[in-house]
C-alpha cells in the first residue's frame, strides 16, 4: 500500500517512472500528484 506521504516525497524522476510504468502519458504530472499528495498528507496528519 502506498500512502500520500510516500507519494508526496517522490522525486520528479520517481513520478516520471511511475507515469511510464502505468502508461499514464504524462497524467501524473499534469494532475499534480505530488502536490495533491502533500495536501492530503498534511490533512491526514492534522
Protein backbone atom coordinates (compact mmCIF):
# COMPACT_ATOMS: atom_id res chain seq x y z
CA UNK A 1 0.00 0.00 0.00
CA UNK A 2 1.26 3.47 -0.85
CA UNK A 3 0.46 6.38 1.43
CA UNK A 4 0.00 10.00 0.43
CA UNK A 5 3.12 10.90 2.41
CA UNK A 6 5.14 8.49 0.27
CA UNK A 7 3.85 10.00 -2.98
CA UNK A 8 4.49 13.49 -1.58
CA UNK A 9 8.15 12.54 -1.14
CA UNK A 10 8.64 11.29 -4.72
CA UNK A 11 11.26 12.99 -6.82
CA UNK A 12 10.41 14.15 -10.35
CA UNK A 13 12.27 11.09 -11.67
CA UNK A 14 10.20 8.75 -9.49
CA UNK A 15 6.99 10.41 -10.68
CA UNK A 16 8.11 10.00 -14.30
CA UNK A 17 8.94 6.33 -13.69
CA UNK A 18 5.52 5.62 -12.20
CA UNK A 19 3.84 7.55 -15.00
CA UNK A 20 5.69 5.45 -17.58
CA UNK A 21 5.13 2.17 -15.70
CA UNK A 22 1.38 2.79 -15.56
CA UNK A 23 1.29 4.20 -19.12
CA UNK A 24 -0.34 7.42 -17.92
CA UNK A 25 1.12 9.51 -20.75
CA UNK A 26 2.06 12.45 -18.51
CA UNK A 27 -1.13 12.50 -16.50
CA UNK A 28 0.62 12.14 -13.13
CA UNK A 29 2.48 15.38 -13.74
CA UNK A 30 -0.47 17.19 -15.36
CA UNK A 31 -2.70 16.26 -12.43
CA UNK A 32 0.00 17.33 -9.94
CA UNK A 33 0.02 14.08 -8.00
CA UNK A 34 2.88 15.16 -5.74
CA UNK A 35 1.28 18.50 -4.83
CA UNK A 36 -2.07 16.83 -4.20
CA UNK A 37 -0.44 14.11 -2.09
CA UNK A 38 1.27 16.79 0.02
CA UNK A 39 -2.10 18.43 0.71
CA UNK A 40 -3.78 15.11 1.50
CA UNK A 41 -0.92 14.00 3.76
CA UNK A 42 -0.98 17.25 5.73
CA UNK A 43 -4.77 16.97 6.12
CA UNK A 44 -4.50 13.36 7.31
CA UNK A 45 -1.88 14.32 9.91
CA UNK A 46 -3.99 17.16 11.31
